[in-house]
């Protein structure tokens, strides 16, 4: 199983648990949050690489 499918199945479990508790986030919102997290990680990596070299 590749990382993407593992991540997707984890998202499904997360989404179902949240729904059971009455806390529903749209999948689009979850994807937006992930995209922002990736962008932030890239910026941090750039900063660290520049600081090192």
PDB file of N, CA and C in Angstrom:
ATOM      1  N   UNK A   1       0.848  -1.183   0.000  1.00  0.00           N
ATOM      2  CA  UNK A   1       0.000   0.000   0.000  1.00  0.00           C
ATOM      3  C   UNK A   1       0.894   1.247   0.000  1.00  0.00           C
ATOM      4  N   UNK A   2       0.634   2.151  -0.914  1.00  0.00           N
ATOM      5  CA  UNK A   2       1.467   3.353  -0.957  1.00  0.00           C
ATOM      6  C   UNK A   2       1.009   4.361   0.104  1.00  0.00           C
ATOM      7  N   UNK A   3       1.831   5.383   0.305  1.00  0.00           N
ATOM      8  CA  UNK A   3       1.537   6.346   1.369  1.00  0.00           C
ATOM      9  C   UNK A   3       0.242   7.108   1.115  1.00  0.00           C
ATOM     10  N   UNK A   4      -0.034   7.402  -0.153  1.00  0.00           N
ATOM     11  CA  UNK A   4      -1.228   8.181  -0.470  1.00  0.00           C
ATOM     12  C   UNK A   4      -2.491   7.425  -0.086  1.00  0.00           C
ATOM     13  N   UNK A   5      -2.556   6.145  -0.450  1.00  0.00           N
ATOM     14  CA  UNK A   5      -3.763   5.380  -0.122  1.00  0.00           C
ATOM     15  C   UNK A   5      -3.878   5.178   1.388  1.00  0.00           C
ATOM     16  N   UNK A   6      -2.757   5.024   2.064  1.00  0.00           N
ATOM     17  CA  UNK A   6      -2.779   4.905   3.520  1.00  0.00           C
ATOM     18  C   UNK A   6      -3.314   6.200   4.126  1.00  0.00           C
ATOM     19  N   UNK A   7      -2.830   7.322   3.611  1.00  0.00           N
ATOM     20  CA  UNK A   7      -3.280   8.618   4.082  1.00  0.00           C
ATOM     21  C   UNK A   7      -4.772   8.799   3.820  1.00  0.00           C
ATOM     22  N   UNK A   8      -5.226   8.382   2.633  1.00  0.00           N
ATOM     23  CA  UNK A   8      -6.642   8.508   2.296  1.00  0.00           C
ATOM     24  C   UNK A   8      -7.506   7.682   3.234  1.00  0.00           C
ATOM     25  N   UNK A   9      -7.070   6.452   3.535  1.00  0.00           N
ATOM     26  CA  UNK A   9      -7.874   5.611   4.426  1.00  0.00           C
ATOM     27  C   UNK A   9      -7.897   6.214   5.828  1.00  0.00           C
ATOM     28  N   UNK A  10      -6.794   6.804   6.253  1.00  0.00           N
ATOM     29  CA  UNK A  10      -6.768   7.472   7.555  1.00  0.00           C
ATOM     30  C   UNK A  10      -7.723   8.658   7.564  1.00  0.00           C
ATOM     31  N   UNK A  11      -7.790   9.382   6.444  1.00  0.00           N
ATOM     32  CA  UNK A  11      -8.705  10.514   6.338  1.00  0.00           C
ATOM     33  C   UNK A  11     -10.150  10.054   6.438  1.00  0.00           C
ATOM     34  N   UNK A  12     -10.450   8.922   5.792  1.00  0.00           N
ATOM     35  CA  UNK A  12     -11.814   8.385   5.848  1.00  0.00           C
ATOM     36  C   UNK A  12     -12.187   8.039   7.289  1.00  0.00           C
ATOM     37  N   UNK A  13     -11.272   7.388   8.001  1.00  0.00           N
ATOM     38  CA  UNK A  13     -11.523   7.018   9.397  1.00  0.00           C
ATOM     39  C   UNK A  13     -11.717   8.279  10.237  1.00  0.00           C
ATOM     40  N   UNK A  14     -10.840   9.253  10.045  1.00  0.00           N
ATOM     41  CA  UNK A  14     -10.921  10.523  10.762  1.00  0.00           C
ATOM     42  C   UNK A  14     -12.267  11.195  10.495  1.00  0.00           C
ATOM     43  N   UNK A  15     -12.644  11.248   9.226  1.00  0.00           N
ATOM     44  CA  UNK A  15     -13.890  11.907   8.832  1.00  0.00           C
ATOM     45  C   UNK A  15     -15.098  11.218   9.463  1.00  0.00           C
ATOM     46  N   UNK A  16     -15.093   9.871   9.442  1.00  0.00           N
ATOM     47  CA  UNK A  16     -16.215   9.115  10.019  1.00  0.00           C
ATOM     48  C   UNK A  16     -16.309   9.339  11.525  1.00  0.00           C
ATOM     49  N   UNK A  17     -15.177   9.358  12.212  1.00  0.00           N
ATOM     50  CA  UNK A  17     -15.190   9.577  13.665  1.00  0.00           C
ATOM     51  C   UNK A  17     -15.716  10.967  14.000  1.00  0.00           C
ATOM     52  N   UNK A  18     -15.264  11.952  13.227  1.00  0.00           N
ATOM     53  CA  UNK A  18     -15.732  13.319  13.463  1.00  0.00           C
ATOM     54  C   UNK A  18     -17.238  13.413  13.228  1.00  0.00           C
ATOM     55  N   UNK A  19     -17.703  12.725  12.175  1.00  0.00           N
ATOM     56  CA  UNK A  19     -19.127  12.758  11.841  1.00  0.00           C
ATOM     57  C   UNK A  19     -19.946  12.132  12.966  1.00  0.00           C
ATOM     58  N   UNK A  20     -19.450  11.036  13.534  1.00  0.00           N
ATOM     59  CA  UNK A  20     -20.138  10.368  14.643  1.00  0.00           C
ATOM     60  C   UNK A  20     -20.278  11.304  15.844  1.00  0.00           C
ATOM     61  N   UNK A  21     -19.276  12.141  16.051  1.00  0.00           N
ATOM     62  CA  UNK A  21     -19.304  13.064  17.188  1.00  0.00           C
ATOM     63  C   UNK A  21     -20.114  14.323  16.870  1.00  0.00           C
ATOM     64  N   UNK A  22     -20.586  14.444  15.621  1.00  0.00           N
ATOM     65  CA  UNK A  22     -21.357  15.620  15.243  1.00  0.00           C
ATOM     66  C   UNK A  22     -20.483  16.765  14.766  1.00  0.00           C
ATOM     67  N   UNK A  23     -19.213  16.487  14.557  1.00  0.00           N
ATOM     68  CA  UNK A  23     -18.290  17.508  14.068  1.00  0.00           C
ATOM     69  C   UNK A  23     -17.942  17.133  12.633  1.00  0.00           C
ATOM     70  N   UNK A  24     -18.536  17.823  11.687  1.00  0.00           N
ATOM     71  CA  UNK A  24     -18.334  17.440  10.293  1.00  0.00           C
ATOM     72  C   UNK A  24     -17.552  18.532   9.572  1.00  0.00           C
ATOM     73  N   UNK A  25     -16.423  18.136   9.030  1.00  0.00           N
ATOM     74  CA  UNK A  25     -15.650  19.027   8.173  1.00  0.00           C
ATOM     75  C   UNK A  25     -15.743  18.475   6.762  1.00  0.00           C
ATOM     76  N   UNK A  26     -15.878  19.365   5.811  1.00  0.00           N
ATOM     77  CA  UNK A  26     -15.955  18.890   4.434  1.00  0.00           C
ATOM     78  C   UNK A  26     -14.599  18.357   3.994  1.00  0.00           C
ATOM     79  N   UNK A  27     -14.617  17.420   3.069  1.00  0.00           N
ATOM     80  CA  UNK A  27     -13.372  16.862   2.555  1.00  0.00           C
ATOM     81  C   UNK A  27     -12.561  17.939   1.847  1.00  0.00           C
ATOM     82  N   UNK A  28     -13.257  18.900   1.204  1.00  0.00           N
ATOM     83  CA  UNK A  28     -12.558  19.996   0.535  1.00  0.00           C
ATOM     84  C   UNK A  28     -11.771  20.817   1.558  1.00  0.00           C
ATOM     85  N   UNK A  29     -12.383  21.066   2.712  1.00  0.00           N
ATOM     86  CA  UNK A  29     -11.707  21.826   3.760  1.00  0.00           C
ATOM     87  C   UNK A  29     -10.481  21.074   4.256  1.00  0.00           C
ATOM     88  N   UNK A  30     -10.630  19.769   4.457  1.00  0.00           N
ATOM     89  CA  UNK A  30      -9.505  18.956   4.917  1.00  0.00           C
ATOM     90  C   UNK A  30      -8.370  19.014   3.898  1.00  0.00           C
ATOM     91  N   UNK A  31      -8.702  18.936   2.607  1.00  0.00           N
ATOM     92  CA  UNK A  31      -7.676  19.021   1.566  1.00  0.00           C
ATOM     93  C   UNK A  31      -6.994  20.383   1.580  1.00  0.00           C
ATOM     94  N   UNK A  32      -7.777  21.453   1.766  1.00  0.00           N
ATOM     95  CA  UNK A  32      -7.189  22.791   1.828  1.00  0.00           C
ATOM     96  C   UNK A  32      -6.202  22.895   2.983  1.00  0.00           C
ATOM     97  N   UNK A  33      -6.565  22.351   4.122  1.00  0.00           N
ATOM     98  CA  UNK A  33      -5.682  22.387   5.292  1.00  0.00           C
ATOM     99  C   UNK A  33      -4.395  21.626   4.996  1.00  0.00           C
ATOM    100  N   UNK A  34      -4.517  20.464   4.344  1.00  0.00           N
ATOM    101  CA  UNK A  34      -3.333  19.679   3.983  1.00  0.00           C
ATOM    102  C   UNK A  34      -2.435  20.445   3.026  1.00  0.00           C
ATOM    103  N   UNK A  35      -3.048  21.090   2.028  1.00  0.00           N
ATOM    104  CA  UNK A  35      -2.268  21.850   1.046  1.00  0.00           C
ATOM    105  C   UNK A  35      -1.514  22.975   1.745  1.00  0.00           C
ATOM    106  N   UNK A  36      -2.186  23.683   2.649  1.00  0.00           N
ATOM    107  CA  UNK A  36      -1.531  24.760   3.393  1.00  0.00           C
ATOM    108  C   UNK A  36      -0.393  24.221   4.251  1.00  0.00           C
ATOM    109  N   UNK A  37      -0.578  23.059   4.840  1.00  0.00           N
ATOM    110  CA  UNK A  37       0.475  22.453   5.662  1.00  0.00           C
ATOM    111  C   UNK A  37       1.688  22.101   4.811  1.00  0.00           C
ATOM    112  N   UNK A  38       1.449  21.603   3.613  1.00  0.00           N
ATOM    113  CA  UNK A  38       2.551  21.265   2.708  1.00  0.00           C
ATOM    114  C   UNK A  38       3.291  22.530   2.290  1.00  0.00           C
ATOM    115  N   UNK A  39       2.550  23.580   1.976  1.00  0.00           N
ATOM    116  CA  UNK A  39       3.177  24.854   1.595  1.00  0.00           C
ATOM    117  C   UNK A  39       4.043  25.385   2.738  1.00  0.00           C
ATOM    118  N   UNK A  40       3.525  25.320   3.952  1.00  0.00           N
ATOM    119  CA  UNK A  40       4.275  25.796   5.112  1.00  0.00           C
ATOM    120  C   UNK A  40       5.536  24.964   5.315  1.00  0.00           C
ATOM    121  N   UNK A  41       5.428  23.661   5.126  1.00  0.00           N
ATOM    122  CA  UNK A  41       6.595  22.782   5.281  1.00  0.00           C
ATOM    123  C   UNK A  41       7.649  23.105   4.227  1.00  0.00           C
ATOM    124  N   UNK A  42       7.218  23.390   3.007  1.00  0.00           N
ATOM    125  CA  UNK A  42       8.161  23.749   1.941  1.00  0.00           C
ATOM    126  C   UNK A  42       8.880  25.052   2.278  1.00  0.00           C
ATOM    127  N   UNK A  43       8.132  26.038   2.767  1.00  0.00           N
ATOM    128  CA  UNK A  43       8.738  27.315   3.144  1.00  0.00           C
ATOM    129  C   UNK A  43       9.754  27.121   4.269  1.00  0.00           C
ATOM    130  N   UNK A  44       9.406  26.308   5.248  1.00  0.00           N
ATOM    131  CA  UNK A  44      10.314  26.042   6.361  1.00  0.00           C
ATOM    132  C   UNK A  44      11.572  25.348   5.856  1.00  0.00           C
ATOM    133  N   UNK A  45      11.402  24.398   4.943  1.00  0.00           N
ATOM    134  CA  UNK A  45      12.552  23.682   4.380  1.00  0.00           C
ATOM    135  C   UNK A  45      13.467  24.647   3.630  1.00  0.00           C
ATOM    136  N   UNK A  46      12.873  25.551   2.852  1.00  0.00           N
ATOM    137  CA  UNK A  46      13.672  26.549   2.123  1.00  0.00           C
ATOM    138  C   UNK A  46      14.468  27.407   3.103  1.00  0.00           C
ATOM    139  N   UNK A  47      13.793  27.849   4.164  1.00  0.00           N
ATOM    140  CA  UNK A  47      14.439  28.685   5.165  1.00  0.00           C
ATOM    141  C   UNK A  47      15.606  27.943   5.812  1.00  0.00           C
ATOM    142  N   UNK A  48      15.375  26.693   6.187  1.00  0.00           N
ATOM    143  CA  UNK A  48      16.425  25.907   6.840  1.00  0.00           C
ATOM    144  C   UNK A  48      17.599  25.656   5.896  1.00  0.00           C
ATOM    145  N   UNK A  49      17.299  25.362   4.635  1.00  0.00           N
ATOM    146  CA  UNK A  49      18.373  25.139   3.661  1.00  0.00           C
ATOM    147  C   UNK A  49      19.197  26.407   3.456  1.00  0.00           C
ATOM    148  N   UNK A  50      18.519  27.548   3.408  1.00  0.00           N
ATOM    149  CA  UNK A  50      19.238  28.813   3.255  1.00  0.00           C
ATOM    150  C   UNK A  50      20.076  29.125   4.489  1.00  0.00           C
ATOM    151  N   UNK A  51      19.570  28.785   5.655  1.00  0.00           N
ATOM    152  CA  UNK A  51      20.304  29.036   6.891  1.00  0.00           C
ATOM    153  C   UNK A  51      21.555  28.161   6.976  1.00  0.00           C
ATOM    154  N   UNK A  52      21.452  26.942   6.465  1.00  0.00           N
ATOM    155  CA  UNK A  52      22.589  26.019   6.511  1.00  0.00           C
ATOM    156  C   UNK A  52      23.657  26.412   5.500  1.00  0.00           C
ATOM    157  N   UNK A  53      23.209  26.667   4.282  1.00  0.00           N
ATOM    158  CA  UNK A  53      24.196  26.870   3.233  1.00  0.00           C
ATOM    159  C   UNK A  53      24.068  28.184   2.588  1.00  0.00           C
TER     160      UNK A  53
END
